[in-house]
Amino acid sequence: MKILVCDPISPKGIDLLKQRPEFNVVVLEKRLSEAELLPLVTDAVGIIVRSETKVTRKIIEAAPKLKVVGRAGVGVDNIDVEAATELGVVVMNTPGGNTISTAELSFGMLLSLARKIPQAHSAMVQGRWDRKQFSGIELSGKTLGVLGLGRIGGEVARRAQAFGMRVIGYDPFLPESRAKAISVEVVSDVDGVYKEADFITVHMPVTEETRYMLNASAFSKMKPGVRVVNCARGEIIHDNDLLAALDSGKVTAAALDVFAEEPLPEDHPFRTHPGITLTPHLGASTKEAQIKCGIEVAEVIAGYLLTGEVRNAVNLPYLDAKTYEVVKPYLTLGEKLGKLLAQLAPPQVDRLHITYGGKAQELPNIDPVTRSILQGFLSRTAVKDLNKVNVRNIASTTGLTVEEKRSNEPVTFNEWLHVQAFRGSEKLISAGGTFFGSPDNPRIVRLFSQPTEITPFGQVLLMRNKDRPGIVGHLGSLLGRYGVNIASMSLTRDEAGGHALTVLNLDSPPPPAMLKELESDPDISDVNAVSL
């Protein structure tokens, strides 16, 4: 498997990959353009970048074997995540590698704003000695507002508390337990931060909600003389609005490590404004962070390619090695259930309802199982390159909605996975599965609302038939005449002399002539040959 390393990462990360005989690691000596990269990615299974190389849609489309793109760092702005998702490519980053380095830089920026350190140094270099001009303020007793309380925001909060600061924060996705763990006063509305904070530090990703959230309206709500730090993403602050707030005195000073356009243009007004401290995107630029990011990106890439472990993916749910082992048996069962329904359901299914019962409802993460069910069900659409990364997107584009339910209602089996297919409010078909004895022994045990037992592998022949004496012998003779061997058989009926559901696991596909003969029998109906 070829892994293409496009940007410089720690040699320790590269060595980790090279130790695996499964990988052919190709390290580029310099940054290449899109056109130069295109012929190099055609056989790549993995691509590793930092912030320099752009992984565009064109590059992803030119790499038919590509499974994963790894970013040695947090931001994935230089990767077309939408294109990657559409084409079934996992995008992973390394959020833990630069946590401490970015948090420390952010806090260094806070100290610089409070004590005017860069300006004082510049004056000293110029031969001046002006102590009054560079009089500052103490951090102790001041209020720090943290926008985004993830890893980095939490580390900044800890350091601020050590300096005697009151820390308040805003993060709409922060669990209450996390807020208590880091001892931060969390406000429900970002305006609460604007109103009370003496310093504001930004630690949010760029989304539709956060893009340019620090704009004229936001600055107008802040305390007079507030100081602002941004070591997250440049697009969160509106450049012109910040300049206006600085000129008006609303904002006393700002420290920026990131910019909407990088490198920052030489003629950008930030470069000459006396109230702004600038650094050239140094958040992850420490020796320790580069080593951590290089090792981490190598580990997540190798883990995914070799075991299916999903860590730090931005377009797939987290699935560590331990969780993967728990979920893994359900992935097979789910795909087989989806595949069975795909071959039996009538067209125009617009909704799947999936129930997780018994021990299945205790799974730490059901999303991978749902994706496996969808992958099996959508196999009938013959979508090119369908996989677990893009399967939810493809389901959405085909008009298929998915409902998931964890049920604690009593069930017959220890593990229970049940899938129902609907057209509008009409239930078309359903199937349920479990395990017999061990997770390596999946069974489909309910179909068409009837009990059954199907080994979900290989060729399966299903039919409804009249419950009459001699039907089993008749079927055996018929299959024998066509040279088809029966591996196992399940026969269930609604009542004596009523109707039965017969399921046969076969050693080879049933020939069309045999199926036609079965369909012509007046006591047999709904003949289906499926491949699992």
Protein backbone atom coordinates (compact mmCIF):
# COMPACT_ATOMS: atom_id res chain seq x y z
CA MET A 1 0.00 0.00 0.00
CA LYS A 2 1.50 3.30 -1.12
CA ILE A 3 1.43 6.18 1.37
CA LEU A 4 2.42 9.54 -0.10
CA VAL A 5 3.90 12.05 2.38
CA CYS A 6 3.50 15.44 0.69
CA ASP A 7 4.67 17.82 3.44
CA PRO A 8 7.47 17.56 6.02
CA ILE A 9 6.48 15.60 9.13
CA SER A 10 8.56 14.27 11.98
CA PRO A 11 11.00 11.53 10.90
CA LYS A 12 9.71 9.49 13.84
CA GLY A 13 6.29 9.35 12.18
CA ILE A 14 7.79 8.34 8.85
CA ASP A 15 9.90 5.66 10.54
CA LEU A 16 6.79 4.28 12.24
CA LEU A 17 5.14 3.79 8.85
CA LYS A 18 8.24 2.38 7.21
CA GLN A 19 8.48 -0.29 9.90
CA ARG A 20 5.31 -1.85 8.53
CA PRO A 21 6.03 -4.16 5.58
CA GLU A 22 2.51 -3.54 4.25
CA PHE A 23 3.38 0.08 3.41
CA ASN A 24 5.41 1.63 0.63
CA VAL A 25 6.17 5.10 2.02
CA VAL A 26 7.03 7.76 -0.56
CA VAL A 27 8.28 11.06 0.91
CA LEU A 28 8.27 14.09 -1.40
CA GLU A 29 11.30 16.33 -1.11
CA LYS A 30 9.42 19.55 -1.85
CA ARG A 31 5.90 20.88 -2.06
CA LEU A 32 4.28 20.08 -5.41
CA SER A 33 1.48 21.78 -7.29
CA GLU A 34 -1.81 20.07 -8.08
CA ALA A 35 -0.66 19.28 -11.61
CA GLU A 36 2.58 17.76 -10.33
CA LEU A 37 0.75 15.65 -7.76
CA LEU A 38 -1.83 14.14 -10.10
CA PRO A 39 0.39 11.42 -11.62
CA LEU A 40 1.79 10.52 -8.18
CA VAL A 41 -1.55 9.81 -6.48
CA THR A 42 -2.97 7.33 -8.98
CA ASP A 43 -1.82 4.33 -6.90
CA ALA A 44 -1.79 5.99 -3.46
CA VAL A 45 -3.86 4.40 -0.69
CA GLY A 46 -2.98 7.12 1.84
CA ILE A 47 -1.88 10.76 1.63
CA ILE A 48 -0.29 12.73 4.48
CA VAL A 49 -0.10 16.53 4.47
CA ARG A 50 0.40 19.46 6.79
CA SER A 51 -0.96 22.88 5.85
CA GLU A 52 1.08 23.46 2.69
CA THR A 53 -0.26 20.91 0.19
CA LYS A 54 -3.86 21.26 -0.94
CA VAL A 55 -5.75 17.98 -1.43
CA THR A 56 -8.32 19.11 -3.98
CA ARG A 57 -11.26 17.32 -5.53
CA LYS A 58 -9.21 16.84 -8.67
CA ILE A 59 -6.46 15.08 -6.71
CA ILE A 60 -8.95 12.84 -4.88
CA GLU A 61 -10.69 11.94 -8.13
CA ALA A 62 -7.32 11.03 -9.66
CA ALA A 63 -6.62 8.54 -6.85
CA PRO A 64 -8.99 5.57 -7.29
CA LYS A 65 -7.23 3.52 -4.58
CA LEU A 66 -7.21 6.33 -2.02
CA LYS A 67 -8.73 5.37 1.34
CA VAL A 68 -7.46 7.98 3.77
CA VAL A 69 -5.98 11.49 3.94
CA GLY A 70 -4.14 12.41 7.13
CA ARG A 71 -3.46 15.98 8.25
CA ALA A 72 -0.56 16.44 10.67
CA GLY A 73 -2.34 19.21 12.54
CA VAL A 74 -5.86 20.27 13.47
CA GLY A 75 -7.27 22.26 10.57
CA VAL A 76 -8.35 20.52 7.38
CA ASP A 77 -9.00 23.69 5.38
CA ASN A 78 -6.53 22.52 2.73
CA ILE A 79 -8.45 19.26 2.17
CA ASP A 80 -11.69 19.05 0.19
CA VAL A 81 -13.56 17.09 2.85
CA GLU A 82 -16.82 17.17 0.89
CA ALA A 83 -15.18 15.57 -2.15
CA ALA A 84 -13.40 13.03 0.07
CA THR A 85 -16.68 12.04 1.71
CA GLU A 86 -18.47 11.71 -1.62
CA LEU A 87 -15.70 9.45 -2.93
CA GLY A 88 -15.43 7.37 0.23
CA VAL A 89 -12.13 8.70 1.55
CA VAL A 90 -11.63 9.15 5.30
CA VAL A 91 -10.08 12.45 6.38
CA MET A 92 -8.19 12.36 9.69
CA ASN A 93 -6.38 15.04 11.66
CA THR A 94 -4.23 15.14 14.81
CA PRO A 95 -6.00 17.37 17.32
CA GLY A 96 -3.98 16.15 20.28
CA GLY A 97 -0.52 16.74 18.85
CA ASN A 98 -0.47 20.52 19.06
CA THR A 99 -2.84 21.05 21.97
CA ILE A 100 -0.22 22.17 24.47
CA SER A 101 1.84 24.18 21.99
CA THR A 102 -1.20 26.17 20.77
CA ALA A 103 -2.50 26.66 24.30
CA GLU A 104 0.89 27.96 25.44
CA LEU A 105 1.13 30.33 22.46
CA SER A 106 -2.37 31.63 23.22
CA PHE A 107 -1.42 32.28 26.80
CA GLY A 108 1.81 33.90 25.69
CA MET A 109 -0.32 36.20 23.56
CA LEU A 110 -2.44 37.07 26.61
CA LEU A 111 0.67 38.03 28.56
CA SER A 112 1.98 40.02 25.61
CA LEU A 113 -1.24 42.01 25.39
CA ALA A 114 -1.33 42.60 29.12
CA ARG A 115 2.30 43.72 29.40
CA LYS A 116 3.01 45.05 25.86
CA ILE A 117 6.10 42.85 25.61
CA PRO A 118 6.61 42.93 21.80
CA GLN A 119 6.27 46.72 21.65
CA ALA A 120 8.63 47.21 24.58
CA HIS A 121 11.21 44.92 22.99
CA SER A 122 10.97 46.81 19.68
CA ALA A 123 11.54 50.13 21.47
CA MET A 124 14.57 48.76 23.31
CA VAL A 125 16.08 47.48 20.05
CA GLN A 126 15.64 50.98 18.64
CA GLY A 127 17.61 52.38 21.57
CA ARG A 128 14.67 53.84 23.51
CA TRP A 129 13.96 53.55 27.24
CA ASP A 130 10.31 54.45 27.79
CA ARG A 131 8.87 52.73 30.83
CA LYS A 132 5.72 54.88 31.09
CA GLN A 133 4.61 54.16 27.52
CA PHE A 134 4.60 50.42 28.16
CA SER A 135 2.76 50.33 31.46
CA GLY A 136 0.45 47.29 31.41
CA ILE A 137 -2.21 45.49 33.45
CA GLU A 138 -2.23 42.33 35.57
CA LEU A 139 -4.04 39.17 34.52
CA SER A 140 -4.91 38.33 38.11
CA GLY A 141 -8.47 39.32 38.92
CA LYS A 142 -9.43 39.83 35.28
CA THR A 143 -12.09 37.84 33.42
CA LEU A 144 -11.05 35.66 30.48
CA GLY A 145 -13.72 34.67 27.99
CA VAL A 146 -12.95 31.44 26.13
CA LEU A 147 -14.86 30.83 22.90
CA GLY A 148 -14.66 27.08 22.36
CA LEU A 149 -13.82 24.78 25.25
CA GLY A 150 -12.31 21.81 23.49
CA ARG A 151 -8.81 20.50 24.14
CA ILE A 152 -6.98 23.78 23.50
CA GLY A 153 -9.59 26.04 25.08
CA GLY A 154 -9.59 23.85 28.17
CA GLU A 155 -5.79 24.02 28.48
CA VAL A 156 -5.86 27.81 28.15
CA ALA A 157 -8.54 27.95 30.86
CA ARG A 158 -6.34 25.90 33.23
CA ARG A 159 -3.40 28.26 32.75
CA ALA A 160 -5.57 31.32 33.22
CA GLN A 161 -6.94 29.95 36.49
CA ALA A 162 -3.37 29.42 37.69
CA PHE A 163 -2.78 33.14 37.07
CA GLY A 164 -5.78 34.05 39.22
CA MET A 165 -8.15 34.86 36.39
CA ARG A 166 -11.88 34.23 36.43
CA VAL A 167 -12.68 32.10 33.39
CA ILE A 168 -16.03 32.08 31.60
CA GLY A 169 -16.69 30.22 28.39
CA TYR A 170 -19.08 29.61 25.54
CA ASP A 171 -19.36 26.32 23.70
CA PRO A 172 -22.76 25.11 22.47
CA PHE A 173 -21.50 21.51 22.27
CA LEU A 174 -19.84 21.29 25.68
CA PRO A 175 -21.19 18.51 27.96
CA GLU A 176 -21.95 19.62 31.50
CA SER A 177 -19.48 17.05 32.86
CA ARG A 178 -16.67 18.60 30.81
CA ALA A 179 -17.49 22.10 32.08
CA LYS A 180 -17.33 20.88 35.67
CA ALA A 181 -14.06 19.05 35.03
CA ILE A 182 -12.31 22.21 33.85
CA SER A 183 -14.05 24.48 36.41
CA VAL A 184 -15.24 27.02 33.85
CA GLU A 185 -18.37 29.14 34.18
CA VAL A 186 -20.21 28.30 30.98
CA VAL A 187 -22.69 30.83 29.59
CA SER A 188 -25.56 29.79 27.37
CA ASP A 189 -25.26 32.79 25.07
CA VAL A 190 -22.05 34.13 23.53
CA ASP A 191 -23.22 37.65 24.38
CA GLY A 192 -22.56 36.74 28.01
CA VAL A 193 -18.85 36.43 27.19
CA TYR A 194 -18.83 39.69 25.24
CA LYS A 195 -20.46 41.54 28.14
CA GLU A 196 -18.14 40.37 30.92
CA ALA A 197 -14.74 39.45 29.51
CA ASP A 198 -11.64 41.63 29.81
CA PHE A 199 -9.79 39.25 27.50
CA ILE A 200 -11.32 37.01 24.83
CA THR A 201 -9.50 34.06 23.28
CA VAL A 202 -10.87 32.09 20.32
CA HIS A 203 -10.65 28.29 20.02
CA MET A 204 -13.39 27.33 17.58
CA PRO A 205 -13.33 25.70 14.14
CA VAL A 206 -14.61 27.54 11.09
CA THR A 207 -18.24 26.66 10.39
CA GLU A 208 -21.17 28.51 8.90
CA GLU A 209 -22.03 29.62 12.45
CA THR A 210 -18.53 30.76 13.46
CA ARG A 211 -17.30 32.35 10.23
CA TYR A 212 -16.75 36.06 10.97
CA MET A 213 -18.60 35.73 14.28
CA LEU A 214 -16.30 38.42 15.72
CA ASN A 215 -17.69 41.25 13.63
CA ALA A 216 -18.90 44.80 14.20
CA SER A 217 -21.99 43.60 16.02
CA ALA A 218 -19.96 41.37 18.34
CA PHE A 219 -17.38 44.08 19.09
CA SER A 220 -20.17 46.55 19.94
CA LYS A 221 -21.34 44.21 22.72
CA MET A 222 -17.90 43.85 24.32
CA LYS A 223 -16.54 45.73 27.31
CA PRO A 224 -14.60 48.88 26.41
CA GLY A 225 -10.87 48.15 26.33
CA VAL A 226 -11.23 44.40 25.73
CA ARG A 227 -8.19 42.50 24.42
CA VAL A 228 -8.66 39.74 21.82
CA VAL A 229 -6.50 36.69 20.99
CA ASN A 230 -7.01 34.42 17.99
CA CYS A 231 -4.83 31.32 17.54
CA ALA A 232 -7.64 29.26 15.99
CA ARG A 233 -8.76 30.27 12.49
CA GLY A 234 -8.44 33.64 10.77
CA GLU A 235 -11.92 33.50 9.22
CA ILE A 236 -13.53 33.77 12.65
CA ILE A 237 -12.63 37.48 12.87
CA HIS A 238 -13.78 40.06 10.33
CA ASP A 239 -10.57 41.96 9.51
CA ASN A 240 -12.04 45.38 8.75
CA ASP A 241 -14.40 45.25 11.74
CA LEU A 242 -11.48 44.47 14.05
CA LEU A 243 -9.49 47.38 12.65
CA ALA A 244 -12.45 49.70 13.20
CA ALA A 245 -12.89 48.44 16.79
CA LEU A 246 -9.19 49.05 17.48
CA ASP A 247 -9.29 52.54 15.99
CA SER A 248 -12.34 53.44 18.05
CA GLY A 249 -10.73 52.20 21.27
CA LYS A 250 -13.43 49.56 21.85
CA VAL A 251 -10.69 46.96 21.51
CA THR A 252 -7.45 47.97 23.19
CA ALA A 253 -5.26 45.35 21.53
CA ALA A 254 -5.36 42.13 19.57
CA ALA A 255 -2.92 39.26 19.10
CA LEU A 256 -3.30 37.14 15.97
CA ASP A 257 -1.53 33.97 14.89
CA VAL A 258 -3.97 33.05 12.09
CA PHE A 259 -5.43 34.94 9.15
CA ALA A 260 -8.17 34.57 6.57
CA GLU A 261 -5.48 34.74 3.87
CA GLU A 262 -2.13 33.09 4.55
CA PRO A 263 0.60 34.14 4.18
CA LEU A 264 -0.66 37.54 5.30
CA PRO A 265 -0.26 39.96 2.36
CA GLU A 266 2.67 42.36 2.70
CA ASP A 267 0.39 45.38 2.39
CA HIS A 268 -2.25 44.16 4.84
CA PRO A 269 -3.11 46.92 7.38
CA PHE A 270 -2.63 44.46 10.27
CA ARG A 271 1.12 44.68 9.67
CA THR A 272 1.34 48.37 10.52
CA HIS A 273 -1.34 48.73 13.19
CA PRO A 274 0.23 49.56 16.58
CA GLY A 275 -2.49 47.72 18.50
CA ILE A 276 -1.92 44.32 16.89
CA THR A 277 0.65 41.67 17.78
CA LEU A 278 1.27 39.23 14.92
CA THR A 279 2.88 35.80 14.60
CA PRO A 280 3.02 33.72 11.38
CA HIS A 281 0.74 30.78 12.32
CA LEU A 282 3.05 29.35 14.98
CA GLY A 283 0.44 27.46 17.01
CA ALA A 284 1.91 24.04 16.25
CA SER A 285 5.46 25.23 15.65
CA THR A 286 7.28 23.62 18.52
CA LYS A 287 9.67 20.70 18.36
CA GLU A 288 7.46 18.67 20.66
CA ALA A 289 4.26 19.38 18.71
CA GLN A 290 5.83 18.42 15.39
CA ILE A 291 7.02 15.12 16.83
CA LYS A 292 3.62 14.41 18.38
CA CYS A 293 1.70 15.32 15.20
CA GLY A 294 4.03 13.25 13.02
CA ILE A 295 3.67 10.20 15.22
CA GLU A 296 -0.06 10.67 15.68
CA VAL A 297 -0.82 11.02 11.96
CA ALA A 298 1.23 7.90 11.26
CA GLU A 299 -0.63 5.99 13.96
CA VAL A 300 -4.12 6.97 12.80
CA ILE A 301 -3.31 6.23 9.15
CA ALA A 302 -1.80 2.84 10.00
CA GLY A 303 -4.62 1.98 12.37
CA TYR A 304 -7.27 2.65 9.79
CA LEU A 305 -5.55 0.89 6.89
CA LEU A 306 -4.55 -2.19 8.89
CA THR A 307 -7.43 -2.73 11.33
CA GLY A 308 -10.26 -0.38 10.39
CA GLU A 309 -9.78 1.64 13.59
CA VAL A 310 -11.16 5.17 13.19
CA ARG A 311 -9.55 7.92 15.28
CA ASN A 312 -9.68 11.67 14.72
CA ALA A 313 -11.73 11.36 11.52
CA VAL A 314 -13.62 14.48 10.52
CA ASN A 315 -16.07 12.60 8.26
CA LEU A 316 -16.54 9.35 10.20
CA PRO A 317 -17.46 8.74 13.85
CA TYR A 318 -14.73 7.88 16.35
CA LEU A 319 -14.08 4.15 16.61
CA ASP A 320 -11.04 3.15 18.65
CA ALA A 321 -9.54 -0.33 18.55
CA LYS A 322 -11.39 -1.52 21.67
CA THR A 323 -14.75 -0.23 20.45
CA TYR A 324 -14.10 -1.64 17.00
CA GLU A 325 -13.68 -5.14 18.43
CA VAL A 326 -17.04 -4.83 20.22
CA VAL A 327 -18.83 -3.44 17.17
CA LYS A 328 -17.12 -5.59 14.52
CA PRO A 329 -19.51 -8.62 14.63
CA TYR A 330 -22.49 -6.31 14.18
CA LEU A 331 -20.89 -4.78 11.09
CA THR A 332 -21.06 -8.15 9.33
CA LEU A 333 -24.57 -8.94 10.57
CA GLY A 334 -25.79 -5.45 9.64
CA GLU A 335 -24.41 -5.59 6.12
CA LYS A 336 -25.97 -9.03 5.56
CA LEU A 337 -29.37 -7.81 6.79
CA GLY A 338 -29.16 -4.81 4.47
CA LYS A 339 -28.07 -6.97 1.56
CA LEU A 340 -30.92 -9.45 2.13
CA LEU A 341 -33.54 -6.69 2.22
CA ALA A 342 -32.00 -5.06 -0.84
CA GLN A 343 -32.68 -8.21 -2.87
CA LEU A 344 -36.15 -8.89 -1.46
CA ALA A 345 -37.71 -5.45 -1.03
CA PRO A 346 -39.81 -3.93 -3.80
CA PRO A 347 -38.55 -0.70 -5.40
CA GLN A 348 -39.09 2.79 -4.02
CA VAL A 349 -38.15 2.12 -0.41
CA ASP A 350 -37.87 5.58 1.15
CA ARG A 351 -37.23 4.78 4.81
CA LEU A 352 -35.30 2.26 6.89
CA HIS A 353 -36.10 1.85 10.58
CA ILE A 354 -33.32 0.13 12.53
CA THR A 355 -33.85 -1.20 16.05
CA TYR A 356 -30.98 -2.11 18.37
CA GLY A 357 -32.23 -4.44 21.10
CA GLY A 358 -30.80 -6.67 23.83
CA LYS A 359 -27.05 -6.20 24.18
CA ALA A 360 -27.00 -4.37 20.84
CA GLN A 361 -28.67 -1.35 22.41
CA GLU A 362 -25.64 -1.09 24.75
CA LEU A 363 -23.16 -0.68 21.89
CA PRO A 364 -20.93 2.37 22.54
CA ASN A 365 -21.37 3.51 18.93
CA ILE A 366 -24.17 2.34 16.63
CA ASP A 367 -23.34 4.61 13.70
CA PRO A 368 -20.84 2.19 12.10
CA VAL A 369 -23.45 -0.59 12.25
CA THR A 370 -26.08 1.63 10.64
CA ARG A 371 -23.58 2.47 7.92
CA SER A 372 -22.99 -1.26 7.33
CA ILE A 373 -26.74 -1.86 7.00
CA LEU A 374 -26.98 1.01 4.52
CA GLN A 375 -23.99 -0.26 2.58
CA GLY A 376 -25.63 -3.66 2.22
CA PHE A 377 -29.01 -2.19 1.31
CA LEU A 378 -27.66 0.33 -1.20
CA SER A 379 -25.61 -2.36 -2.94
CA ARG A 380 -28.65 -2.85 -5.16
CA THR A 381 -28.23 0.66 -6.54
CA ALA A 382 -24.86 -0.22 -8.12
CA VAL A 383 -23.38 3.09 -6.92
CA LYS A 384 -19.72 3.29 -7.81
CA ASP A 385 -17.27 3.28 -4.89
CA LEU A 386 -19.98 2.91 -2.25
CA ASN A 387 -18.44 2.50 1.21
CA LYS A 388 -19.00 3.35 4.86
CA VAL A 389 -17.61 6.86 4.48
CA ASN A 390 -20.02 8.07 1.81
CA VAL A 391 -22.96 5.76 2.44
CA ARG A 392 -25.02 8.22 4.50
CA ASN A 393 -24.52 10.92 1.87
CA ILE A 394 -25.56 8.54 -0.90
CA ALA A 395 -28.62 7.42 1.08
CA SER A 396 -29.64 11.06 1.42
CA THR A 397 -29.20 11.79 -2.28
CA THR A 398 -31.36 8.78 -3.19
CA GLY A 399 -34.14 9.99 -0.89
CA LEU A 400 -33.65 7.24 1.68
CA THR A 401 -34.09 8.35 5.28
CA VAL A 402 -32.78 6.36 8.21
CA GLU A 403 -34.26 6.04 11.69
CA GLU A 404 -32.27 4.47 14.55
CA LYS A 405 -33.68 3.31 17.86
CA ARG A 406 -32.09 1.81 20.94
CA SER A 407 -34.79 -0.32 22.53
CA ASN A 408 -34.79 -1.77 26.04
CA GLU A 409 -37.96 -3.76 25.40
CA PRO A 410 -37.63 -7.50 26.16
CA VAL A 411 -36.43 -9.58 23.20
CA THR A 412 -36.08 -13.32 22.63
CA PHE A 413 -32.37 -13.12 21.84
CA ASN A 414 -29.40 -11.73 23.76
CA GLU A 415 -28.48 -9.55 20.78
CA TRP A 416 -31.09 -8.16 18.42
CA LEU A 417 -30.73 -6.15 15.24
CA HIS A 418 -33.94 -5.50 13.33
CA VAL A 419 -34.40 -3.59 10.06
CA GLN A 420 -37.74 -2.54 8.57
CA ALA A 421 -38.17 -1.07 5.07
CA PHE A 422 -41.01 1.38 4.40
CA ARG A 423 -42.59 3.20 1.49
CA GLY A 424 -44.33 6.11 3.13
CA SER A 425 -46.24 4.60 6.08
CA GLU A 426 -46.44 1.15 4.47
CA LYS A 427 -44.07 -1.47 5.86
CA LEU A 428 -42.78 -3.48 2.91
CA ILE A 429 -40.46 -6.00 4.55
CA SER A 430 -38.42 -6.58 7.69
CA ALA A 431 -35.60 -8.83 8.86
CA GLY A 432 -33.95 -9.45 12.20
CA GLY A 433 -30.64 -10.98 13.17
CA THR A 434 -28.65 -12.18 16.16
CA PHE A 435 -25.68 -14.44 17.01
CA PHE A 436 -25.74 -18.15 17.81
CA GLY A 437 -23.20 -19.10 20.45
CA SER A 438 -20.53 -16.53 19.56
CA PRO A 439 -20.15 -13.23 17.70
CA ASP A 440 -18.53 -15.16 14.84
CA ASN A 441 -21.79 -17.01 14.17
CA PRO A 442 -24.40 -14.52 12.90
CA ARG A 443 -27.91 -15.66 11.98
CA ILE A 444 -30.94 -14.03 10.39
CA VAL A 445 -33.77 -15.29 12.58
CA ARG A 446 -36.78 -13.31 11.41
CA LEU A 447 -38.01 -12.50 7.92
CA PHE A 448 -41.39 -11.38 6.61
CA SER A 449 -42.41 -11.24 10.32
CA GLN A 450 -41.88 -15.01 10.57
CA PRO A 451 -39.22 -16.92 12.52
CA THR A 452 -36.50 -18.53 10.43
CA GLU A 453 -32.84 -19.44 10.57
CA ILE A 454 -30.56 -18.26 7.77
CA THR A 455 -26.79 -18.51 7.73
CA PRO A 456 -26.11 -15.15 6.04
CA PHE A 457 -23.38 -16.21 3.65
CA GLY A 458 -23.29 -17.45 0.07
CA GLN A 459 -26.31 -18.55 -1.95
CA VAL A 460 -29.75 -18.58 -0.32
CA LEU A 461 -33.03 -19.75 -1.84
CA LEU A 462 -36.25 -18.50 -0.25
CA MET A 463 -39.87 -19.33 -1.03
CA ARG A 464 -43.32 -19.53 0.48
CA ASN A 465 -45.09 -22.83 0.09
CA LYS A 466 -48.20 -24.68 1.15
CA ASP A 467 -47.58 -26.80 4.22
CA ARG A 468 -48.27 -30.26 2.81
CA PRO A 469 -46.69 -33.71 3.22
CA GLY A 470 -43.85 -34.45 0.83
CA ILE A 471 -42.88 -30.85 0.07
CA VAL A 472 -39.39 -31.23 1.56
CA GLY A 473 -38.75 -34.40 -0.41
CA HIS A 474 -40.03 -32.72 -3.54
CA LEU A 475 -37.64 -29.81 -3.10
CA GLY A 476 -34.72 -32.14 -2.40
CA SER A 477 -35.41 -34.17 -5.52
CA LEU A 478 -35.76 -31.07 -7.66
CA LEU A 479 -32.48 -29.54 -6.49
CA GLY A 480 -30.74 -32.90 -6.85
CA ARG A 481 -31.93 -33.15 -10.44
CA TYR A 482 -30.28 -29.79 -11.17
CA GLY A 483 -27.08 -30.71 -9.31
CA VAL A 484 -27.56 -28.17 -6.50
CA ASN A 485 -26.52 -29.27 -3.02
CA ILE A 486 -28.33 -28.08 0.10
CA ALA A 487 -26.02 -26.87 2.89
CA SER A 488 -28.78 -26.17 5.43
CA MET A 489 -32.54 -25.79 5.55
CA SER A 490 -35.05 -23.84 7.63
CA LEU A 491 -38.79 -24.48 7.44
CA THR A 492 -41.37 -22.56 9.49
CA ARG A 493 -45.16 -22.43 9.13
CA ASP A 494 -47.97 -20.30 10.42
CA GLU A 495 -50.16 -23.34 11.22
CA ALA A 496 -50.53 -27.00 10.30
CA GLY A 497 -51.65 -27.21 6.70
CA GLY A 498 -51.22 -23.46 6.30
CA HIS A 499 -48.32 -21.61 4.69
CA ALA A 500 -44.62 -22.07 5.33
CA LEU A 501 -41.46 -20.03 4.77
CA THR A 502 -38.70 -22.26 3.41
CA VAL A 503 -35.08 -21.10 3.35
CA LEU A 504 -32.26 -23.14 1.82
CA ASN A 505 -28.56 -22.36 2.05
CA LEU A 506 -27.02 -23.73 -1.15
CA ASP A 507 -23.50 -24.63 -2.24
CA SER A 508 -24.00 -23.07 -5.68
CA PRO A 509 -26.37 -20.61 -7.39
CA PRO A 510 -29.70 -22.13 -8.45
CA PRO A 511 -30.01 -22.27 -12.27
CA PRO A 512 -32.75 -20.15 -13.89
CA ALA A 513 -34.52 -23.25 -15.23
CA MET A 514 -34.87 -24.64 -11.73
CA LEU A 515 -36.27 -21.34 -10.42
CA LYS A 516 -38.76 -21.28 -13.27
CA GLU A 517 -39.88 -24.81 -12.41
CA LEU A 518 -40.36 -23.83 -8.78
CA GLU A 519 -42.40 -20.79 -9.74
CA SER A 520 -44.69 -22.93 -11.89
CA ASP A 521 -45.66 -25.12 -8.91
CA PRO A 522 -49.12 -24.00 -7.67
CA ASP A 523 -48.13 -24.74 -4.06
CA ILE A 524 -45.03 -22.52 -4.19
CA SER A 525 -44.84 -18.71 -4.42
CA ASP A 526 -42.46 -15.80 -3.84
CA VAL A 527 -39.38 -17.67 -5.04
CA ASN A 528 -36.23 -15.61 -4.50
CA ALA A 529 -32.58 -16.49 -4.97
CA VAL A 530 -30.27 -14.11 -3.10
CA SER A 531 -26.53 -13.87 -2.75
CA LEU A 532 -25.11 -12.94 0.65
